[in-house]
């Protein structure tokens, strides 16, 4: 796919290439986002809703679209979208990071990226060496407990970044796991073993959806309702 997208980029040029990807992302939405949110979005919304027991206030998404931003903003949360670095971080409810680039449906949800990691050239460039944004994500991943949702575990850029994080943690002799990885039946046993070696606890979904486990985490974190 990356090789095919490199051909498309070469035919269209950088500007039209980004616009074409953006149009395809929202082909079924028209000019605005509306409608029912998925159960997964609802579960993520529950996790970022402020609570005295704590909350998820940082999201890293590998998607280019602004679906998460649309849903969270529609529920009154103040967001900051980070797709380039350096960026002046400000106080907000949730910071959403887009390491592979960001193509919102409109400027209502922030400014689009100058580039996206979606073709062979940018994949190679991103993996070639350290970048400021890559260093930022390395810091985020080493300073927090990660909950990985919707990832197959085979993305080269993600795996290389995770290995750098693991090496950093081992240097500090940190005894804690890196996080939990929600795995569907489609994730091969060999990939799960590799993720375990990178410090993840594997949560088998079985017949469940990711949203079921996330809702359960929210319920347990909130504790009993006192009337």
N, C-alpha and C. Protein backbone atom coordinates (compact mmCIF):
# COMPACT_ATOMS: atom_id res chain seq x y z
N UNK A 1 0.82 -1.20 0.00
CA UNK A 1 0.00 0.00 0.00
C UNK A 1 0.86 1.25 0.00
N UNK A 2 1.94 1.27 0.81
CA UNK A 2 2.80 2.44 0.87
C UNK A 2 3.43 2.72 -0.50
N UNK A 3 3.81 1.66 -1.21
CA UNK A 3 4.40 1.83 -2.54
C UNK A 3 3.38 2.41 -3.52
N UNK A 4 2.13 1.94 -3.42
CA UNK A 4 1.09 2.45 -4.30
C UNK A 4 0.79 3.92 -4.00
N UNK A 5 0.80 4.27 -2.72
CA UNK A 5 0.55 5.67 -2.36
C UNK A 5 1.69 6.57 -2.81
N UNK A 6 2.90 6.03 -2.90
CA UNK A 6 4.01 6.83 -3.41
C UNK A 6 3.79 7.17 -4.88
N UNK A 7 3.22 6.23 -5.63
CA UNK A 7 2.89 6.48 -7.04
C UNK A 7 1.81 7.56 -7.15
N UNK A 8 0.78 7.45 -6.29
CA UNK A 8 -0.31 8.45 -6.29
C UNK A 8 0.25 9.83 -5.97
N UNK A 9 1.13 9.89 -4.99
CA UNK A 9 1.73 11.17 -4.60
C UNK A 9 2.55 11.76 -5.74
N UNK A 10 3.27 10.90 -6.46
CA UNK A 10 4.07 11.37 -7.58
C UNK A 10 3.22 11.93 -8.71
N UNK A 11 2.03 11.34 -8.91
CA UNK A 11 1.14 11.80 -9.98
C UNK A 11 0.46 13.11 -9.61
N UNK A 12 -0.02 13.21 -8.37
CA UNK A 12 -0.81 14.37 -7.95
C UNK A 12 0.02 15.55 -7.48
N UNK A 13 1.20 15.28 -6.92
CA UNK A 13 1.96 16.34 -6.26
C UNK A 13 1.54 16.41 -4.80
N UNK A 14 2.38 16.99 -3.96
CA UNK A 14 2.17 16.95 -2.51
C UNK A 14 0.84 17.55 -2.07
N UNK A 15 0.50 18.74 -2.58
CA UNK A 15 -0.69 19.45 -2.12
C UNK A 15 -1.96 18.70 -2.50
N UNK A 16 -2.10 18.33 -3.78
CA UNK A 16 -3.29 17.63 -4.23
C UNK A 16 -3.38 16.23 -3.62
N UNK A 17 -2.23 15.63 -3.35
CA UNK A 17 -2.19 14.31 -2.72
C UNK A 17 -2.82 14.36 -1.32
N UNK A 18 -2.44 15.36 -0.52
CA UNK A 18 -3.01 15.51 0.81
C UNK A 18 -4.52 15.79 0.73
N UNK A 19 -4.92 16.62 -0.22
CA UNK A 19 -6.33 16.94 -0.36
C UNK A 19 -7.14 15.71 -0.78
N UNK A 20 -6.57 14.88 -1.64
CA UNK A 20 -7.28 13.68 -2.09
C UNK A 20 -7.46 12.69 -0.94
N UNK A 21 -6.43 12.52 -0.13
CA UNK A 21 -6.55 11.64 1.03
C UNK A 21 -7.60 12.19 2.00
N UNK A 22 -7.60 13.51 2.21
CA UNK A 22 -8.58 14.13 3.10
C UNK A 22 -10.00 13.91 2.59
N UNK A 23 -10.23 14.09 1.29
CA UNK A 23 -11.55 13.89 0.71
C UNK A 23 -12.01 12.44 0.87
N UNK A 24 -11.10 11.51 0.69
CA UNK A 24 -11.46 10.09 0.82
C UNK A 24 -11.79 9.73 2.27
N UNK A 25 -11.12 10.38 3.23
CA UNK A 25 -11.38 10.10 4.65
C UNK A 25 -12.83 10.41 5.02
N UNK A 26 -13.36 11.49 4.43
CA UNK A 26 -14.69 11.97 4.82
C UNK A 26 -15.71 11.81 3.70
N UNK A 27 -15.47 10.89 2.82
CA UNK A 27 -16.34 10.70 1.66
C UNK A 27 -17.80 10.48 2.05
N UNK A 28 -18.03 9.80 3.17
CA UNK A 28 -19.40 9.48 3.59
C UNK A 28 -19.98 10.50 4.57
N UNK A 29 -19.27 11.60 4.78
CA UNK A 29 -19.71 12.58 5.78
C UNK A 29 -20.16 13.91 5.19
N UNK A 30 -19.87 14.18 3.94
CA UNK A 30 -20.20 15.49 3.38
C UNK A 30 -19.24 16.54 3.92
N UNK A 31 -19.77 17.74 4.21
CA UNK A 31 -18.93 18.84 4.66
C UNK A 31 -18.81 18.92 6.19
N UNK A 32 -19.66 18.19 6.90
CA UNK A 32 -19.62 18.23 8.37
C UNK A 32 -19.72 16.82 8.93
N UNK A 33 -19.31 16.68 10.19
CA UNK A 33 -19.42 15.41 10.88
C UNK A 33 -20.68 15.41 11.72
N UNK A 34 -21.43 14.34 11.65
CA UNK A 34 -22.66 14.24 12.44
C UNK A 34 -23.03 12.76 12.54
N UNK A 35 -24.10 12.50 13.28
CA UNK A 35 -24.58 11.14 13.39
C UNK A 35 -24.21 10.49 14.70
N UNK A 36 -24.51 9.20 14.80
CA UNK A 36 -24.26 8.43 16.01
C UNK A 36 -22.79 8.06 16.12
N UNK A 37 -22.26 8.23 17.32
CA UNK A 37 -20.88 7.82 17.57
C UNK A 37 -20.82 6.31 17.80
N UNK A 38 -19.72 5.71 17.42
CA UNK A 38 -19.55 4.27 17.65
C UNK A 38 -19.40 3.98 19.14
N UNK A 39 -19.58 2.73 19.51
CA UNK A 39 -19.41 2.33 20.90
C UNK A 39 -17.97 2.55 21.36
N UNK A 40 -17.01 2.36 20.45
CA UNK A 40 -15.61 2.58 20.81
C UNK A 40 -15.36 4.05 21.14
N UNK A 41 -15.93 4.95 20.35
CA UNK A 41 -15.79 6.37 20.64
C UNK A 41 -16.42 6.72 21.99
N UNK A 42 -17.58 6.13 22.27
CA UNK A 42 -18.24 6.37 23.54
C UNK A 42 -17.38 5.89 24.70
N UNK A 43 -16.74 4.75 24.51
CA UNK A 43 -15.87 4.22 25.57
C UNK A 43 -14.66 5.12 25.80
N UNK A 44 -14.07 5.61 24.70
CA UNK A 44 -12.94 6.54 24.83
C UNK A 44 -13.40 7.81 25.52
N UNK A 45 -14.60 8.28 25.17
CA UNK A 45 -15.15 9.46 25.83
C UNK A 45 -15.29 9.26 27.32
N UNK A 46 -15.71 8.07 27.75
CA UNK A 46 -15.83 7.76 29.16
C UNK A 46 -14.49 7.78 29.87
N UNK A 47 -13.45 7.37 29.17
CA UNK A 47 -12.12 7.30 29.79
C UNK A 47 -11.50 8.69 29.96
N UNK A 48 -11.86 9.63 29.11
CA UNK A 48 -11.25 10.96 29.21
C UNK A 48 -12.12 11.95 29.99
N UNK A 49 -13.32 11.50 30.41
CA UNK A 49 -14.16 12.37 31.22
C UNK A 49 -13.53 12.56 32.59
N UNK A 50 -13.34 13.79 33.04
CA UNK A 50 -12.66 14.04 34.32
C UNK A 50 -13.33 13.30 35.49
N UNK A 51 -12.50 12.76 36.37
CA UNK A 51 -12.98 12.03 37.54
C UNK A 51 -11.99 12.24 38.67
N UNK A 52 -12.48 12.20 39.90
CA UNK A 52 -11.58 12.38 41.04
C UNK A 52 -10.60 11.22 41.16
N UNK A 53 -10.89 10.09 40.50
CA UNK A 53 -9.97 8.95 40.53
C UNK A 53 -8.94 9.00 39.40
N UNK A 54 -8.99 10.06 38.65
CA UNK A 54 -8.03 10.18 37.54
C UNK A 54 -8.72 10.04 36.20
N UNK A 55 -7.99 10.36 35.16
CA UNK A 55 -8.58 10.32 33.82
C UNK A 55 -7.47 10.16 32.79
N UNK A 56 -7.85 9.69 31.63
CA UNK A 56 -6.93 9.66 30.49
C UNK A 56 -6.92 11.06 29.88
N UNK A 57 -5.77 11.71 29.86
CA UNK A 57 -5.72 13.08 29.31
C UNK A 57 -4.77 13.21 28.14
N UNK A 58 -4.24 12.09 27.66
CA UNK A 58 -3.38 12.11 26.47
C UNK A 58 -3.73 10.92 25.59
N UNK A 59 -3.99 11.22 24.32
CA UNK A 59 -4.32 10.19 23.34
C UNK A 59 -3.33 10.29 22.19
N UNK A 60 -2.75 9.17 21.80
CA UNK A 60 -1.91 9.10 20.60
C UNK A 60 -2.67 8.28 19.57
N UNK A 61 -3.00 8.88 18.45
CA UNK A 61 -3.71 8.16 17.39
C UNK A 61 -2.88 8.15 16.11
N UNK A 62 -2.89 7.03 15.43
CA UNK A 62 -2.17 6.92 14.16
C UNK A 62 -3.07 7.26 12.98
N UNK A 63 -4.33 7.61 13.25
CA UNK A 63 -5.26 8.01 12.19
C UNK A 63 -5.02 9.45 11.78
N UNK A 64 -5.42 9.77 10.55
CA UNK A 64 -5.30 11.14 10.05
C UNK A 64 -6.55 11.96 10.32
N UNK A 65 -7.67 11.32 10.56
CA UNK A 65 -8.95 12.03 10.62
C UNK A 65 -9.17 12.69 11.98
N UNK A 66 -10.28 13.45 12.07
CA UNK A 66 -10.59 14.21 13.28
C UNK A 66 -11.83 13.66 13.98
N UNK A 67 -12.12 12.37 13.82
CA UNK A 67 -13.32 11.79 14.41
C UNK A 67 -13.28 11.87 15.93
N UNK A 68 -12.13 11.54 16.53
CA UNK A 68 -12.01 11.63 17.99
C UNK A 68 -12.20 13.07 18.44
N UNK A 69 -11.59 14.01 17.73
CA UNK A 69 -11.70 15.42 18.10
C UNK A 69 -13.16 15.88 18.02
N UNK A 70 -13.84 15.49 16.95
CA UNK A 70 -15.25 15.86 16.80
C UNK A 70 -16.08 15.36 17.97
N UNK A 71 -15.89 14.10 18.34
CA UNK A 71 -16.71 13.53 19.41
C UNK A 71 -16.42 14.19 20.75
N UNK A 72 -15.15 14.38 21.08
CA UNK A 72 -14.81 14.94 22.38
C UNK A 72 -15.22 16.42 22.47
N UNK A 73 -15.02 17.16 21.39
CA UNK A 73 -15.44 18.57 21.41
C UNK A 73 -16.95 18.70 21.52
N UNK A 74 -17.68 17.78 20.91
CA UNK A 74 -19.14 17.84 20.97
C UNK A 74 -19.66 17.60 22.38
N UNK A 75 -18.79 17.06 23.26
CA UNK A 75 -19.16 16.84 24.65
C UNK A 75 -18.50 17.86 25.58
N UNK A 76 -18.04 18.94 25.00
CA UNK A 76 -17.60 20.08 25.80
C UNK A 76 -16.18 20.00 26.33
N UNK A 77 -15.37 19.06 25.85
CA UNK A 77 -14.00 18.95 26.32
C UNK A 77 -13.09 19.90 25.53
N UNK A 78 -12.17 20.55 26.22
CA UNK A 78 -11.19 21.43 25.57
C UNK A 78 -10.00 20.59 25.12
N UNK A 79 -9.66 20.68 23.84
CA UNK A 79 -8.60 19.84 23.27
C UNK A 79 -7.43 20.66 22.77
N UNK A 80 -6.29 20.01 22.72
CA UNK A 80 -5.17 20.52 21.92
C UNK A 80 -4.72 19.40 21.01
N UNK A 81 -4.60 19.71 19.72
CA UNK A 81 -4.15 18.73 18.74
C UNK A 81 -2.70 19.01 18.41
N UNK A 82 -1.85 17.99 18.52
CA UNK A 82 -0.42 18.13 18.25
C UNK A 82 -0.05 17.20 17.10
N UNK A 83 0.35 17.77 15.98
CA UNK A 83 0.79 16.97 14.83
C UNK A 83 2.17 17.40 14.36
N UNK A 84 2.74 18.40 15.01
CA UNK A 84 4.10 18.84 14.68
C UNK A 84 4.78 19.31 15.96
N UNK A 85 6.08 19.32 15.93
CA UNK A 85 6.87 19.69 17.10
C UNK A 85 8.07 20.49 16.65
N UNK A 86 8.47 21.57 17.34
CA UNK A 86 7.96 21.99 18.66
C UNK A 86 6.59 22.66 18.59
N UNK A 87 5.81 22.48 19.65
CA UNK A 87 4.51 23.09 19.83
C UNK A 87 4.40 23.57 21.27
N UNK A 88 3.85 24.75 21.45
CA UNK A 88 3.65 25.26 22.80
C UNK A 88 2.42 24.57 23.39
N UNK A 89 2.63 23.73 24.38
CA UNK A 89 1.52 23.01 25.01
C UNK A 89 0.78 23.94 25.95
N UNK A 90 -0.53 23.85 25.95
CA UNK A 90 -1.36 24.69 26.80
C UNK A 90 -2.24 23.81 27.69
N UNK A 91 -2.85 24.44 28.64
CA UNK A 91 -3.73 23.71 29.55
C UNK A 91 -5.01 23.33 28.82
N UNK A 92 -5.40 22.07 28.92
CA UNK A 92 -6.61 21.59 28.26
C UNK A 92 -7.08 20.31 28.94
N UNK A 93 -8.24 19.82 28.54
CA UNK A 93 -8.75 18.57 29.11
C UNK A 93 -8.02 17.37 28.53
N UNK A 94 -7.81 17.39 27.22
CA UNK A 94 -7.20 16.26 26.54
C UNK A 94 -6.25 16.77 25.45
N UNK A 95 -5.07 16.19 25.38
CA UNK A 95 -4.14 16.45 24.27
C UNK A 95 -4.16 15.25 23.34
N UNK A 96 -4.42 15.49 22.07
CA UNK A 96 -4.48 14.42 21.08
C UNK A 96 -3.27 14.56 20.14
N UNK A 97 -2.45 13.54 20.10
CA UNK A 97 -1.22 13.54 19.29
C UNK A 97 -1.45 12.72 18.02
N UNK A 98 -0.99 13.28 16.89
CA UNK A 98 -1.08 12.61 15.58
C UNK A 98 0.34 12.47 15.01
N UNK A 99 1.08 11.46 15.41
CA UNK A 99 2.46 11.33 14.92
C UNK A 99 2.58 11.07 13.43
N UNK A 100 1.54 10.50 12.81
CA UNK A 100 1.61 10.20 11.37
C UNK A 100 0.98 11.29 10.52
N UNK A 101 0.52 12.38 11.16
CA UNK A 101 -0.08 13.48 10.42
C UNK A 101 -1.55 13.64 10.73
N UNK A 102 -2.11 14.78 10.29
CA UNK A 102 -3.48 15.13 10.66
C UNK A 102 -4.17 15.85 9.51
N UNK A 103 -5.35 15.35 9.11
CA UNK A 103 -6.11 15.95 8.02
C UNK A 103 -7.56 16.13 8.47
N UNK A 104 -7.85 17.20 9.22
CA UNK A 104 -9.21 17.43 9.71
C UNK A 104 -10.17 17.78 8.57
N UNK A 105 -11.45 17.59 8.83
CA UNK A 105 -12.46 17.89 7.81
C UNK A 105 -12.56 19.38 7.58
N UNK A 106 -12.27 20.21 8.61
CA UNK A 106 -12.27 21.66 8.50
C UNK A 106 -11.36 22.25 9.56
N UNK A 107 -11.09 23.54 9.45
CA UNK A 107 -10.22 24.20 10.42
C UNK A 107 -10.86 24.32 11.80
N UNK A 108 -12.15 23.99 11.89
CA UNK A 108 -12.82 23.96 13.20
C UNK A 108 -12.12 22.98 14.14
N UNK A 109 -11.48 21.98 13.56
CA UNK A 109 -10.80 20.95 14.36
C UNK A 109 -9.28 21.05 14.25
N UNK A 110 -8.78 22.24 13.93
CA UNK A 110 -7.34 22.44 13.86
C UNK A 110 -6.82 22.51 12.44
N UNK A 111 -5.53 22.79 12.33
CA UNK A 111 -4.89 22.92 11.02
C UNK A 111 -4.33 21.58 10.55
N UNK A 112 -4.40 21.36 9.26
CA UNK A 112 -3.90 20.09 8.74
C UNK A 112 -2.38 20.09 8.67
N UNK A 113 -1.82 18.90 8.63
CA UNK A 113 -0.37 18.74 8.54
C UNK A 113 0.14 19.06 7.15
N UNK A 114 1.41 19.39 7.08
CA UNK A 114 2.05 19.61 5.78
C UNK A 114 2.41 18.29 5.11
N UNK A 115 2.45 17.21 5.91
CA UNK A 115 2.78 15.89 5.37
C UNK A 115 2.13 14.84 6.24
N UNK A 116 1.95 13.65 5.65
CA UNK A 116 1.44 12.50 6.39
C UNK A 116 2.35 11.31 6.10
N UNK A 117 2.44 10.41 7.04
CA UNK A 117 3.25 9.21 6.85
C UNK A 117 2.34 8.14 6.26
N UNK A 118 2.30 8.11 4.93
CA UNK A 118 1.34 7.22 4.25
C UNK A 118 1.90 6.66 2.95
N UNK A 119 3.15 6.96 2.65
CA UNK A 119 3.77 6.38 1.46
C UNK A 119 5.20 5.97 1.80
N UNK A 120 5.83 5.23 0.91
CA UNK A 120 7.15 4.62 1.18
C UNK A 120 8.20 5.66 1.54
N UNK A 121 8.18 6.80 0.85
CA UNK A 121 9.19 7.83 1.10
C UNK A 121 9.14 8.32 2.54
N UNK A 122 7.93 8.66 3.02
CA UNK A 122 7.82 9.21 4.37
C UNK A 122 7.97 8.13 5.43
N UNK A 123 7.58 6.90 5.13
CA UNK A 123 7.83 5.80 6.07
C UNK A 123 9.33 5.61 6.27
N UNK A 124 10.08 5.61 5.16
CA UNK A 124 11.54 5.47 5.24
C UNK A 124 12.17 6.67 5.95
N UNK A 125 11.67 7.86 5.64
CA UNK A 125 12.21 9.07 6.26
C UNK A 125 11.95 9.07 7.77
N UNK A 126 10.76 8.64 8.17
CA UNK A 126 10.40 8.63 9.59
C UNK A 126 11.24 7.62 10.37
N UNK A 127 11.58 6.51 9.72
CA UNK A 127 12.35 5.49 10.41
C UNK A 127 13.85 5.65 10.29
N UNK A 128 14.28 6.67 9.54
CA UNK A 128 15.71 6.81 9.26
C UNK A 128 16.52 7.31 10.46
N UNK A 129 15.90 8.09 11.32
CA UNK A 129 16.66 8.66 12.43
C UNK A 129 15.77 9.40 13.39
N UNK A 130 16.37 9.95 14.44
CA UNK A 130 15.57 10.65 15.46
C UNK A 130 14.97 11.95 14.90
N UNK A 131 13.76 12.24 15.34
CA UNK A 131 13.11 13.49 15.00
C UNK A 131 12.55 14.08 16.28
N UNK A 132 12.32 15.40 16.33
CA UNK A 132 11.77 16.00 17.56
C UNK A 132 10.46 15.37 18.01
N UNK A 133 9.56 15.09 17.05
CA UNK A 133 8.28 14.51 17.42
C UNK A 133 8.47 13.09 17.94
N UNK A 134 9.39 12.37 17.34
CA UNK A 134 9.66 11.00 17.79
C UNK A 134 10.20 11.01 19.23
N UNK A 135 11.05 11.98 19.55
CA UNK A 135 11.57 12.09 20.90
C UNK A 135 10.46 12.42 21.89
N UNK A 136 9.50 13.24 21.44
CA UNK A 136 8.36 13.57 22.29
C UNK A 136 7.58 12.31 22.63
N UNK A 137 7.28 11.48 21.63
CA UNK A 137 6.51 10.27 21.88
C UNK A 137 7.29 9.28 22.74
N UNK A 138 8.57 9.25 22.56
CA UNK A 138 9.39 8.39 23.41
C UNK A 138 9.25 8.81 24.87
N UNK A 139 9.25 10.12 25.11
CA UNK A 139 9.07 10.63 26.47
C UNK A 139 7.68 10.26 27.00
N UNK A 140 6.64 10.44 26.17
CA UNK A 140 5.28 10.13 26.61
C UNK A 140 5.14 8.65 26.98
N UNK A 141 5.71 7.80 26.16
CA UNK A 141 5.54 6.36 26.37
C UNK A 141 6.35 5.84 27.55
N UNK A 142 7.45 6.52 27.89
CA UNK A 142 8.25 6.08 29.03
C UNK A 142 7.75 6.65 30.35
N UNK A 143 6.85 7.61 30.30
CA UNK A 143 6.41 8.27 31.53
C UNK A 143 4.96 7.93 31.90
N UNK A 144 4.34 7.02 31.12
CA UNK A 144 2.94 6.69 31.37
C UNK A 144 2.69 5.21 31.14
N UNK A 145 1.58 4.73 31.70
CA UNK A 145 1.13 3.37 31.44
C UNK A 145 0.25 3.41 30.20
N UNK A 146 0.58 2.62 29.20
CA UNK A 146 -0.06 2.69 27.89
C UNK A 146 -1.19 1.68 27.80
N UNK A 147 -2.28 2.09 27.19
CA UNK A 147 -3.36 1.18 26.84
C UNK A 147 -3.49 1.22 25.32
N UNK A 148 -3.03 0.18 24.65
CA UNK A 148 -3.00 0.14 23.18
C UNK A 148 -4.29 -0.50 22.66
N UNK A 149 -5.04 0.25 21.87
CA UNK A 149 -6.34 -0.20 21.36
C UNK A 149 -6.35 -0.10 19.85
N UNK A 150 -6.78 -1.18 19.19
CA UNK A 150 -6.96 -1.15 17.74
C UNK A 150 -5.67 -1.23 16.94
N UNK A 151 -4.60 -1.71 17.54
CA UNK A 151 -3.32 -1.85 16.84
C UNK A 151 -2.99 -3.33 16.65
N UNK A 152 -2.54 -3.67 15.46
CA UNK A 152 -2.23 -5.06 15.17
C UNK A 152 -0.87 -5.52 15.66
N UNK A 153 0.02 -4.55 15.97
CA UNK A 153 1.33 -4.92 16.47
C UNK A 153 2.38 -5.16 15.41
N UNK A 154 2.03 -4.91 14.14
CA UNK A 154 3.00 -5.17 13.06
C UNK A 154 3.51 -3.90 12.39
N UNK A 155 3.04 -2.73 12.82
CA UNK A 155 3.48 -1.47 12.23
C UNK A 155 4.96 -1.24 12.54
N UNK A 156 5.77 -1.09 11.48
CA UNK A 156 7.22 -0.97 11.64
C UNK A 156 7.60 0.23 12.48
N UNK A 157 6.97 1.38 12.21
CA UNK A 157 7.33 2.60 12.94
C UNK A 157 6.96 2.48 14.42
N UNK A 158 5.79 1.91 14.70
CA UNK A 158 5.37 1.73 16.09
C UNK A 158 6.31 0.78 16.82
N UNK A 159 6.64 -0.31 16.18
CA UNK A 159 7.50 -1.31 16.82
C UNK A 159 8.91 -0.76 17.08
N UNK A 160 9.45 0.01 16.14
CA UNK A 160 10.78 0.57 16.34
C UNK A 160 10.77 1.58 17.48
N UNK A 161 9.69 2.37 17.58
CA UNK A 161 9.58 3.33 18.68
C UNK A 161 9.44 2.60 20.01
N UNK A 162 8.63 1.56 20.04
CA UNK A 162 8.46 0.80 21.27
C UNK A 162 9.77 0.16 21.72
N UNK A 163 10.57 -0.31 20.77
CA UNK A 163 11.85 -0.91 21.14
C UNK A 163 12.77 0.13 21.75
N UNK A 164 12.76 1.35 21.21
CA UNK A 164 13.56 2.42 21.79
C UNK A 164 13.10 2.74 23.20
N UNK A 165 11.78 2.68 23.42
CA UNK A 165 11.23 2.92 24.76
C UNK A 165 11.67 1.83 25.72
N UNK A 166 11.58 0.58 25.26
CA UNK A 166 12.00 -0.55 26.10
C UNK A 166 13.46 -0.43 26.49
N UNK A 167 14.32 -0.06 25.54
CA UNK A 167 15.75 0.09 25.82
C UNK A 167 15.97 1.18 26.88
N UNK A 168 15.21 2.27 26.78
CA UNK A 168 15.33 3.35 27.76
C UNK A 168 14.91 2.88 29.14
N UNK A 169 13.81 2.14 29.21
CA UNK A 169 13.32 1.65 30.50
C UNK A 169 14.30 0.66 31.11
N UNK A 170 14.88 -0.20 30.29
CA UNK A 170 15.84 -1.18 30.80
C UNK A 170 17.07 -0.49 31.37
N UNK A 171 17.47 0.62 30.76
CA UNK A 171 18.61 1.37 31.28
C UNK A 171 18.31 1.91 32.68
N UNK A 172 17.03 2.24 32.92
CA UNK A 172 16.64 2.76 34.23
C UNK A 172 16.27 1.64 35.20
N UNK A 173 16.30 0.39 34.70
CA UNK A 173 15.96 -0.78 35.50
C UNK A 173 14.57 -0.64 36.12
N UNK A 174 13.63 -0.23 35.28
CA UNK A 174 12.25 -0.04 35.73
C UNK A 174 11.55 -1.40 35.79
N UNK A 175 10.94 -1.76 36.94
CA UNK A 175 10.33 -3.08 37.08
C UNK A 175 8.90 -3.16 36.56
N UNK A 176 8.34 -2.05 36.08
CA UNK A 176 6.93 -2.02 35.72
C UNK A 176 6.74 -2.31 34.23
N UNK A 177 5.59 -2.92 33.87
CA UNK A 177 5.30 -3.14 32.45
C UNK A 177 5.05 -1.82 31.73
N UNK A 178 5.23 -1.85 30.42
CA UNK A 178 5.03 -0.66 29.60
C UNK A 178 3.54 -0.31 29.49
N UNK A 179 2.70 -1.34 29.46
CA UNK A 179 1.27 -1.10 29.35
C UNK A 179 0.52 -2.37 28.99
N UNK A 180 -0.74 -2.20 28.59
CA UNK A 180 -1.59 -3.31 28.17
C UNK A 180 -1.92 -3.17 26.69
N UNK A 181 -1.92 -4.27 25.99
CA UNK A 181 -2.21 -4.29 24.56
C UNK A 181 -3.44 -5.15 24.33
N UNK A 182 -4.53 -4.54 23.82
CA UNK A 182 -5.75 -5.29 23.55
C UNK A 182 -5.61 -6.00 22.22
N UNK A 183 -5.66 -7.33 22.24
CA UNK A 183 -5.41 -8.13 21.04
C UNK A 183 -6.65 -8.91 20.62
N UNK A 184 -6.99 -8.82 19.35
CA UNK A 184 -8.06 -9.65 18.79
C UNK A 184 -7.48 -11.00 18.38
N UNK A 185 -8.36 -11.89 17.96
CA UNK A 185 -7.91 -13.22 17.53
C UNK A 185 -7.05 -13.16 16.28
N UNK A 186 -7.11 -12.05 15.54
CA UNK A 186 -6.36 -11.92 14.29
C UNK A 186 -4.87 -11.66 14.54
N UNK A 187 -4.51 -11.26 15.75
CA UNK A 187 -3.09 -11.02 16.07
C UNK A 187 -2.41 -12.36 16.28
N UNK A 188 -1.38 -12.63 15.51
CA UNK A 188 -0.72 -13.93 15.55
C UNK A 188 0.05 -14.13 16.84
N UNK A 189 0.16 -15.39 17.29
CA UNK A 189 0.89 -15.68 18.53
C UNK A 189 2.32 -15.13 18.54
N UNK A 190 3.00 -15.19 17.39
CA UNK A 190 4.37 -14.69 17.33
C UNK A 190 4.44 -13.19 17.60
N UNK A 191 3.43 -12.44 17.09
CA UNK A 191 3.38 -11.00 17.32
C UNK A 191 3.11 -10.72 18.80
N UNK A 192 2.23 -11.50 19.41
CA UNK A 192 1.94 -11.34 20.84
C UNK A 192 3.20 -11.58 21.68
N UNK A 193 3.97 -12.60 21.31
CA UNK A 193 5.22 -12.88 22.04
C UNK A 193 6.19 -11.71 21.91
N UNK A 194 6.26 -11.12 20.71
CA UNK A 194 7.14 -9.97 20.51
C UNK A 194 6.70 -8.78 21.35
N UNK A 195 5.39 -8.57 21.46
CA UNK A 195 4.87 -7.47 22.28
C UNK A 195 5.16 -7.71 23.76
N UNK A 196 5.07 -8.96 24.19
CA UNK A 196 5.40 -9.29 25.59
C UNK A 196 6.86 -8.96 25.87
N UNK A 197 7.73 -9.28 24.92
CA UNK A 197 9.15 -9.00 25.10
C UNK A 197 9.42 -7.49 25.15
N UNK A 198 8.51 -6.72 24.57
CA UNK A 198 8.64 -5.26 24.61
C UNK A 198 7.94 -4.64 25.81
N UNK A 199 7.54 -5.50 26.74
CA UNK A 199 7.04 -5.00 28.02
C UNK A 199 5.54 -4.83 28.14
N UNK A 200 4.77 -5.46 27.25
CA UNK A 200 3.33 -5.31 27.30
C UNK A 200 2.64 -6.52 27.93
N UNK A 201 1.58 -6.24 28.66
CA UNK A 201 0.65 -7.27 29.12
C UNK A 201 -0.38 -7.45 28.02
N UNK A 202 -0.57 -8.69 27.56
CA UNK A 202 -1.50 -8.96 26.48
C UNK A 202 -2.89 -9.26 27.05
N UNK A 203 -3.88 -8.50 26.60
CA UNK A 203 -5.27 -8.75 26.99
C UNK A 203 -6.00 -9.34 25.79
N UNK A 204 -6.38 -10.60 25.91
CA UNK A 204 -7.07 -11.28 24.83
C UNK A 204 -8.54 -10.85 24.80
N UNK A 205 -8.99 -10.35 23.67
CA UNK A 205 -10.37 -9.91 23.56
C UNK A 205 -11.34 -11.07 23.38
N UNK A 206 -10.87 -12.14 22.71
CA UNK A 206 -11.78 -13.25 22.44
C UNK A 206 -12.94 -12.76 21.60
N UNK A 207 -14.15 -13.00 22.07
CA UNK A 207 -15.33 -12.55 21.33
C UNK A 207 -15.74 -11.14 21.69
N UNK A 208 -15.06 -10.53 22.66
CA UNK A 208 -15.41 -9.17 23.07
C UNK A 208 -14.88 -8.13 22.09
N UNK A 209 -15.49 -6.96 22.12
CA UNK A 209 -14.94 -5.83 21.40
C UNK A 209 -14.09 -5.00 22.34
N UNK A 210 -13.22 -4.18 21.77
CA UNK A 210 -12.36 -3.32 22.60
C UNK A 210 -13.20 -2.43 23.51
N UNK A 211 -14.35 -1.97 22.98
CA UNK A 211 -15.18 -1.05 23.76
C UNK A 211 -15.71 -1.70 25.04
N UNK A 212 -15.94 -3.03 25.01
CA UNK A 212 -16.45 -3.71 26.21
C UNK A 212 -15.45 -3.62 27.36
N UNK A 213 -14.17 -3.86 27.03
CA UNK A 213 -13.14 -3.80 28.07
C UNK A 213 -12.95 -2.36 28.54
N UNK A 214 -12.99 -1.40 27.62
CA UNK A 214 -12.82 0.00 28.01
C UNK A 214 -13.96 0.46 28.92
N UNK A 215 -15.18 0.07 28.58
CA UNK A 215 -16.31 0.43 29.45
C UNK A 215 -16.15 -0.18 30.84
N UNK A 216 -15.64 -1.40 30.89
CA UNK A 216 -15.43 -2.05 32.20
C UNK A 216 -14.35 -1.32 33.00
N UNK A 217 -13.30 -0.88 32.32
CA UNK A 217 -12.26 -0.10 33.01
C UNK A 217 -12.86 1.18 33.58
N UNK A 218 -13.71 1.85 32.78
CA UNK A 218 -14.34 3.08 33.24
C UNK A 218 -15.22 2.81 34.46
N UNK A 219 -16.02 1.75 34.40
CA UNK A 219 -16.91 1.44 35.51
C UNK A 219 -16.13 1.17 36.79
N UNK A 220 -15.06 0.41 36.68
CA UNK A 220 -14.27 0.10 37.88
C UNK A 220 -13.52 1.31 38.40
N UNK A 221 -13.07 2.17 37.49
CA UNK A 221 -12.34 3.37 37.92
C UNK A 221 -13.26 4.34 38.63
N UNK A 222 -14.52 4.42 38.15
CA UNK A 222 -15.46 5.34 38.77
C UNK A 222 -15.91 4.86 40.14
N UNK A 223 -15.91 3.53 40.34
CA UNK A 223 -16.36 3.00 41.62
C UNK A 223 -17.88 3.02 41.74
N UNK A 224 -18.40 2.64 42.91
CA UNK A 224 -19.85 2.59 43.09
C UNK A 224 -20.46 3.99 43.11
N UNK A 225 -21.69 4.07 42.64
CA UNK A 225 -22.42 5.34 42.68
C UNK A 225 -23.04 5.51 44.04
N UNK A 226 -22.80 6.66 44.69
CA UNK A 226 -23.34 6.94 46.01
C UNK A 226 -24.52 7.90 45.86
N UNK A 227 -25.70 7.50 46.29
CA UNK A 227 -26.91 8.33 46.15
C UNK A 227 -27.21 9.00 47.50
